[in-house]
Amino acid sequence: MANKLNENSIREAAYYLWQNAGCPNGNDEYFWTMAVEQLNSKSSSKKSTSCKSSSCSKKTTSKKSK
């Protein structure tokens, strides 16, 4: 499950999703799960776009010169 550090951000995201859905009763686990998935996807997209160093761009430019 989520660690203590991320619990508050999950809670906030779940609350936001719940509000946007019109505040329905009885779907707390659904919104919690959706918030976890949403935060995980944001986290993984940050990891995939983190290669912005000069070494990464050198690799791509060397492929272009062939």
PDB file of N, CA and C in Angstrom:
ATOM      1  N   MET A   1       0.841  -1.193   0.000  1.00  0.00           N
ATOM      2  CA  MET A   1       0.000   0.000   0.000  1.00  0.00           C
ATOM      3  C   MET A   1       0.880   1.248   0.000  1.00  0.00           C
ATOM      4  N   ALA A   2       0.273   2.397  -0.036  1.00  0.00           N
ATOM      5  CA  ALA A   2       1.017   3.642  -0.106  1.00  0.00           C
ATOM      6  C   ALA A   2       1.767   3.907   1.189  1.00  0.00           C
ATOM      7  N   ASN A   3       2.957   4.488   1.039  1.00  0.00           N
ATOM      8  CA  ASN A   3       3.702   4.824   2.248  1.00  0.00           C
ATOM      9  C   ASN A   3       3.160   6.109   2.857  1.00  0.00           C
ATOM     10  N   LYS A   4       3.574   6.404   4.092  1.00  0.00           N
ATOM     11  CA  LYS A   4       3.057   7.568   4.825  1.00  0.00           C
ATOM     12  C   LYS A   4       3.336   8.878   4.097  1.00  0.00           C
ATOM     13  N   LEU A   5       4.447   8.941   3.399  1.00  0.00           N
ATOM     14  CA  LEU A   5       4.820  10.169   2.717  1.00  0.00           C
ATOM     15  C   LEU A   5       3.820  10.545   1.626  1.00  0.00           C
ATOM     16  N   ASN A   6       3.280   9.567   0.945  1.00  0.00           N
ATOM     17  CA  ASN A   6       2.367   9.836  -0.155  1.00  0.00           C
ATOM     18  C   ASN A   6       0.893   9.782   0.229  1.00  0.00           C
ATOM     19  N   GLU A   7       0.591   9.388   1.439  1.00  0.00           N
ATOM     20  CA  GLU A   7      -0.802   9.210   1.841  1.00  0.00           C
ATOM     21  C   GLU A   7      -1.608  10.493   1.719  1.00  0.00           C
ATOM     22  N   ASN A   8      -1.033  11.614   2.087  1.00  0.00           N
ATOM     23  CA  ASN A   8      -1.761  12.875   2.012  1.00  0.00           C
ATOM     24  C   ASN A   8      -2.038  13.277   0.567  1.00  0.00           C
ATOM     25  N   SER A   9      -1.082  13.078  -0.329  1.00  0.00           N
ATOM     26  CA  SER A   9      -1.319  13.419  -1.729  1.00  0.00           C
ATOM     27  C   SER A   9      -2.368  12.498  -2.351  1.00  0.00           C
ATOM     28  N   ILE A  10      -2.383  11.234  -1.948  1.00  0.00           N
ATOM     29  CA  ILE A  10      -3.417  10.305  -2.422  1.00  0.00           C
ATOM     30  C   ILE A  10      -4.783  10.747  -1.913  1.00  0.00           C
ATOM     31  N   ARG A  11      -4.838  11.116  -0.650  1.00  0.00           N
ATOM     32  CA  ARG A  11      -6.097  11.572  -0.055  1.00  0.00           C
ATOM     33  C   ARG A  11      -6.626  12.799  -0.791  1.00  0.00           C
ATOM     34  N   GLU A  12      -5.750  13.753  -1.082  1.00  0.00           N
ATOM     35  CA  GLU A  12      -6.164  14.972  -1.776  1.00  0.00           C
ATOM     36  C   GLU A  12      -6.639  14.670  -3.192  1.00  0.00           C
ATOM     37  N   ALA A  13      -5.912  13.792  -3.891  1.00  0.00           N
ATOM     38  CA  ALA A  13      -6.303  13.434  -5.256  1.00  0.00           C
ATOM     39  C   ALA A  13      -7.636  12.690  -5.261  1.00  0.00           C
ATOM     40  N   ALA A  14      -7.832  11.784  -4.316  1.00  0.00           N
ATOM     41  CA  ALA A  14      -9.085  11.035  -4.225  1.00  0.00           C
ATOM     42  C   ALA A  14     -10.251  11.979  -3.930  1.00  0.00           C
ATOM     43  N   TYR A  15     -10.026  12.941  -3.062  1.00  0.00           N
ATOM     44  CA  TYR A  15     -11.071  13.911  -2.730  1.00  0.00           C
ATOM     45  C   TYR A  15     -11.439  14.748  -3.953  1.00  0.00           C
ATOM     46  N   TYR A  16     -10.427  15.153  -4.714  1.00  0.00           N
ATOM     47  CA  TYR A  16     -10.660  15.934  -5.925  1.00  0.00           C
ATOM     48  C   TYR A  16     -11.464  15.120  -6.944  1.00  0.00           C
ATOM     49  N   LEU A  17     -11.082  13.870  -7.136  1.00  0.00           N
ATOM     50  CA  LEU A  17     -11.814  12.998  -8.062  1.00  0.00           C
ATOM     51  C   LEU A  17     -13.256  12.789  -7.607  1.00  0.00           C
ATOM     52  N   TRP A  18     -13.438  12.591  -6.303  1.00  0.00           N
ATOM     53  CA  TRP A  18     -14.767  12.397  -5.722  1.00  0.00           C
ATOM     54  C   TRP A  18     -15.637  13.626  -5.948  1.00  0.00           C
ATOM     55  N   GLN A  19     -15.061  14.814  -5.711  1.00  0.00           N
ATOM     56  CA  GLN A  19     -15.810  16.049  -5.919  1.00  0.00           C
ATOM     57  C   GLN A  19     -16.209  16.212  -7.381  1.00  0.00           C
ATOM     58  N   ASN A  20     -15.280  15.944  -8.294  1.00  0.00           N
ATOM     59  CA  ASN A  20     -15.571  16.076  -9.724  1.00  0.00           C
ATOM     60  C   ASN A  20     -16.623  15.086 -10.206  1.00  0.00           C
ATOM     61  N   ALA A  21     -16.772  13.977  -9.494  1.00  0.00           N
ATOM     62  CA  ALA A  21     -17.786  12.984  -9.846  1.00  0.00           C
ATOM     63  C   ALA A  21     -19.150  13.313  -9.245  1.00  0.00           C
ATOM     64  N   GLY A  22     -19.238  14.408  -8.509  1.00  0.00           N
ATOM     65  CA  GLY A  22     -20.519  14.811  -7.928  1.00  0.00           C
ATOM     66  C   GLY A  22     -20.739  14.325  -6.510  1.00  0.00           C
ATOM     67  N   CYS A  23     -19.680  13.939  -5.822  1.00  0.00           N
ATOM     68  CA  CYS A  23     -19.718  13.519  -4.419  1.00  0.00           C
ATOM     69  C   CYS A  23     -20.645  12.316  -4.169  1.00  0.00           C
ATOM     70  N   PRO A  24     -20.504  11.236  -4.951  1.00  0.00           N
ATOM     71  CA  PRO A  24     -21.376  10.072  -4.732  1.00  0.00           C
ATOM     72  C   PRO A  24     -21.040   9.333  -3.444  1.00  0.00           C
ATOM     73  N   ASN A  25     -22.039   8.714  -2.852  1.00  0.00           N
ATOM     74  CA  ASN A  25     -21.837   7.945  -1.624  1.00  0.00           C
ATOM     75  C   ASN A  25     -21.341   6.537  -1.932  1.00  0.00           C
ATOM     76  N   GLY A  26     -20.482   6.022  -1.055  1.00  0.00           N
ATOM     77  CA  GLY A  26     -20.098   4.623  -1.099  1.00  0.00           C
ATOM     78  C   GLY A  26     -19.036   4.207  -2.091  1.00  0.00           C
ATOM     79  N   ASN A  27     -18.308   5.118  -2.689  1.00  0.00           N
ATOM     80  CA  ASN A  27     -17.280   4.758  -3.662  1.00  0.00           C
ATOM     81  C   ASN A  27     -15.884   5.157  -3.203  1.00  0.00           C
ATOM     82  N   ASP A  28     -15.653   5.152  -1.914  1.00  0.00           N
ATOM     83  CA  ASP A  28     -14.383   5.635  -1.394  1.00  0.00           C
ATOM     84  C   ASP A  28     -13.194   4.819  -1.889  1.00  0.00           C
ATOM     85  N   GLU A  29     -13.330   3.500  -1.933  1.00  0.00           N
ATOM     86  CA  GLU A  29     -12.219   2.661  -2.399  1.00  0.00           C
ATOM     87  C   GLU A  29     -11.939   2.885  -3.879  1.00  0.00           C
ATOM     88  N   TYR A  30     -12.969   3.101  -4.663  1.00  0.00           N
ATOM     89  CA  TYR A  30     -12.795   3.370  -6.088  1.00  0.00           C
ATOM     90  C   TYR A  30     -11.981   4.642  -6.298  1.00  0.00           C
ATOM     91  N   PHE A  31     -12.350   5.717  -5.598  1.00  0.00           N
ATOM     92  CA  PHE A  31     -11.654   6.986  -5.775  1.00  0.00           C
ATOM     93  C   PHE A  31     -10.232   6.927  -5.226  1.00  0.00           C
ATOM     94  N   TRP A  32     -10.026   6.182  -4.160  1.00  0.00           N
ATOM     95  CA  TRP A  32      -8.677   6.004  -3.609  1.00  0.00           C
ATOM     96  C   TRP A  32      -7.807   5.280  -4.640  1.00  0.00           C
ATOM     97  N   THR A  33      -8.343   4.210  -5.225  1.00  0.00           N
ATOM     98  CA  THR A  33      -7.601   3.441  -6.223  1.00  0.00           C
ATOM     99  C   THR A  33      -7.302   4.290  -7.454  1.00  0.00           C
ATOM    100  N   MET A  34      -8.275   5.055  -7.891  1.00  0.00           N
ATOM    101  CA  MET A  34      -8.065   5.921  -9.045  1.00  0.00           C
ATOM    102  C   MET A  34      -6.996   6.967  -8.760  1.00  0.00           C
ATOM    103  N   ALA A  35      -6.983   7.499  -7.554  1.00  0.00           N
ATOM    104  CA  ALA A  35      -5.979   8.490  -7.177  1.00  0.00           C
ATOM    105  C   ALA A  35      -4.586   7.869  -7.163  1.00  0.00           C
ATOM    106  N   VAL A  36      -4.472   6.655  -6.631  1.00  0.00           N
ATOM    107  CA  VAL A  36      -3.177   5.961  -6.610  1.00  0.00           C
ATOM    108  C   VAL A  36      -2.689   5.738  -8.037  1.00  0.00           C
ATOM    109  N   GLU A  37      -3.567   5.259  -8.907  1.00  0.00           N
ATOM    110  CA  GLU A  37      -3.192   5.019 -10.296  1.00  0.00           C
ATOM    111  C   GLU A  37      -2.772   6.311 -10.989  1.00  0.00           C
ATOM    112  N   GLN A  38      -3.505   7.375 -10.734  1.00  0.00           N
ATOM    113  CA  GLN A  38      -3.203   8.667 -11.339  1.00  0.00           C
ATOM    114  C   GLN A  38      -1.835   9.178 -10.882  1.00  0.00           C
ATOM    115  N   LEU A  39      -1.568   9.092  -9.594  1.00  0.00           N
ATOM    116  CA  LEU A  39      -0.293   9.558  -9.071  1.00  0.00           C
ATOM    117  C   LEU A  39       0.865   8.681  -9.550  1.00  0.00           C
ATOM    118  N   ASN A  40       0.627   7.375  -9.658  1.00  0.00           N
ATOM    119  CA  ASN A  40       1.662   6.476 -10.177  1.00  0.00           C
ATOM    120  C   ASN A  40       1.970   6.777 -11.632  1.00  0.00           C
ATOM    121  N   SER A  41       0.962   7.074 -12.420  1.00  0.00           N
ATOM    122  CA  SER A  41       1.203   7.381 -13.827  1.00  0.00           C
ATOM    123  C   SER A  41       1.946   8.699 -13.979  1.00  0.00           C
ATOM    124  N   LYS A  42       1.658   9.669 -13.125  1.00  0.00           N
ATOM    125  CA  LYS A  42       2.408  10.922 -13.153  1.00  0.00           C
ATOM    126  C   LYS A  42       3.855  10.678 -12.767  1.00  0.00           C
ATOM    127  N   SER A  43       4.051   9.828 -11.774  1.00  0.00           N
ATOM    128  CA  SER A  43       5.394   9.508 -11.310  1.00  0.00           C
ATOM    129  C   SER A  43       6.197   8.807 -12.395  1.00  0.00           C
ATOM    130  N   SER A  44       5.592   7.849 -13.079  1.00  0.00           N
ATOM    131  CA  SER A  44       6.315   7.114 -14.115  1.00  0.00           C
ATOM    132  C   SER A  44       6.555   7.979 -15.342  1.00  0.00           C
ATOM    133  N   SER A  45       5.678   8.915 -15.646  1.00  0.00           N
ATOM    134  CA  SER A  45       5.910   9.790 -16.790  1.00  0.00           C
ATOM    135  C   SER A  45       7.034  10.766 -16.498  1.00  0.00           C
ATOM    136  N   LYS A  46       7.203  11.166 -15.257  1.00  0.00           N
ATOM    137  CA  LYS A  46       8.325  12.025 -14.891  1.00  0.00           C
ATOM    138  C   LYS A  46       9.637  11.276 -15.051  1.00  0.00           C
ATOM    139  N   LYS A  47       9.646   9.984 -14.706  1.00  0.00           N
ATOM    140  CA  LYS A  47      10.857   9.184 -14.844  1.00  0.00           C
ATOM    141  C   LYS A  47      11.234   9.010 -16.303  1.00  0.00           C
ATOM    142  N   SER A  48      10.268   8.828 -17.172  1.00  0.00           N
ATOM    143  CA  SER A  48      10.571   8.596 -18.582  1.00  0.00           C
ATOM    144  C   SER A  48      11.028   9.860 -19.292  1.00  0.00           C
ATOM    145  N   THR A  49      10.678  11.039 -18.784  1.00  0.00           N
ATOM    146  CA  THR A  49      11.098  12.286 -19.414  1.00  0.00           C
ATOM    147  C   THR A  49      12.262  12.929 -18.687  1.00  0.00           C
ATOM    148  N   SER A  50      12.880  12.195 -17.765  1.00  0.00           N
ATOM    149  CA  SER A  50      13.940  12.796 -16.969  1.00  0.00           C
ATOM    150  C   SER A  50      15.291  12.802 -17.674  1.00  0.00           C
ATOM    151  N   CYS A  51      15.434  12.169 -18.815  1.00  0.00           N
ATOM    152  CA  CYS A  51      16.704  12.100 -19.519  1.00  0.00           C
ATOM    153  C   CYS A  51      16.861  13.324 -20.406  1.00  0.00           C
ATOM    154  N   LYS A  52      17.293  14.401 -19.828  1.00  0.00           N
ATOM    155  CA  LYS A  52      17.486  15.636 -20.571  1.00  0.00           C
ATOM    156  C   LYS A  52      18.928  16.113 -20.468  1.00  0.00           C
ATOM    157  N   SER A  53      19.810  15.235 -20.060  1.00  0.00           N
ATOM    158  CA  SER A  53      21.202  15.620 -19.924  1.00  0.00           C
ATOM    159  C   SER A  53      21.866  15.681 -21.292  1.00  0.00           C
ATOM    160  N   SER A  54      23.044  16.243 -21.348  1.00  0.00           N
ATOM    161  CA  SER A  54      23.750  16.367 -22.613  1.00  0.00           C
ATOM    162  C   SER A  54      24.148  15.006 -23.171  1.00  0.00           C
ATOM    163  N   SER A  55      24.389  14.028 -22.324  1.00  0.00           N
ATOM    164  CA  SER A  55      24.752  12.701 -22.816  1.00  0.00           C
ATOM    165  C   SER A  55      23.606  12.052 -23.569  1.00  0.00           C
ATOM    166  N   CYS A  56      22.368  12.307 -23.151  1.00  0.00           N
ATOM    167  CA  CYS A  56      21.222  11.749 -23.860  1.00  0.00           C
ATOM    168  C   CYS A  56      21.086  12.401 -25.233  1.00  0.00           C
ATOM    169  N   SER A  57      21.265  13.692 -25.295  1.00  0.00           N
ATOM    170  CA  SER A  57      21.122  14.374 -26.575  1.00  0.00           C
ATOM    171  C   SER A  57      22.273  14.022 -27.513  1.00  0.00           C
ATOM    172  N   LYS A  58      23.452  13.730 -26.969  1.00  0.00           N
ATOM    173  CA  LYS A  58      24.574  13.322 -27.806  1.00  0.00           C
ATOM    174  C   LYS A  58      24.295  11.985 -28.462  1.00  0.00           C
ATOM    175  N   LYS A  59      23.642  11.079 -27.738  1.00  0.00           N
ATOM    176  CA  LYS A  59      23.317   9.780 -28.308  1.00  0.00           C
ATOM    177  C   LYS A  59      22.359   9.924 -29.465  1.00  0.00           C
ATOM    178  N   THR A  60      21.384  10.806 -29.336  1.00  0.00           N
ATOM    179  CA  THR A  60      20.411  10.966 -30.400  1.00  0.00           C
ATOM    180  C   THR A  60      21.017  11.697 -31.594  1.00  0.00           C
ATOM    181  N   THR A  61      21.923  12.640 -31.359  1.00  0.00           N
ATOM    182  CA  THR A  61      22.534  13.347 -32.464  1.00  0.00           C
ATOM    183  C   THR A  61      23.513  12.469 -33.218  1.00  0.00           C
ATOM    184  N   SER A  62      24.167  11.534 -32.534  1.00  0.00           N
ATOM    185  CA  SER A  62      25.089  10.655 -33.229  1.00  0.00           C
ATOM    186  C   SER A  62      24.329   9.709 -34.161  1.00  0.00           C
ATOM    187  N   LYS A  63      23.118   9.340 -33.840  1.00  0.00           N
ATOM    188  CA  LYS A  63      22.315   8.502 -34.714  1.00  0.00           C
ATOM    189  C   LYS A  63      21.918   9.262 -35.979  1.00  0.00           C
ATOM    190  N   LYS A  64      21.684  10.554 -35.843  1.00  0.00           N
ATOM    191  CA  LYS A  64      21.289  11.369 -36.984  1.00  0.00           C
ATOM    192  C   LYS A  64      22.437  11.534 -37.979  1.00  0.00           C
ATOM    193  N   SER A  65      23.677  11.520 -37.487  1.00  0.00           N
ATOM    194  CA  SER A  65      24.813  11.770 -38.364  1.00  0.00           C
ATOM    195  C   SER A  65      25.190  10.569 -39.213  1.00  0.00           C
ATOM    196  N   LYS A  66      24.636   9.397 -38.934  1.00  0.00           N
ATOM    197  CA  LYS A  66      24.962   8.190 -39.708  1.00  0.00           C
ATOM    198  C   LYS A  66      24.350   8.200 -41.073  1.00  0.00           C
TER     199      LYS A  66
END
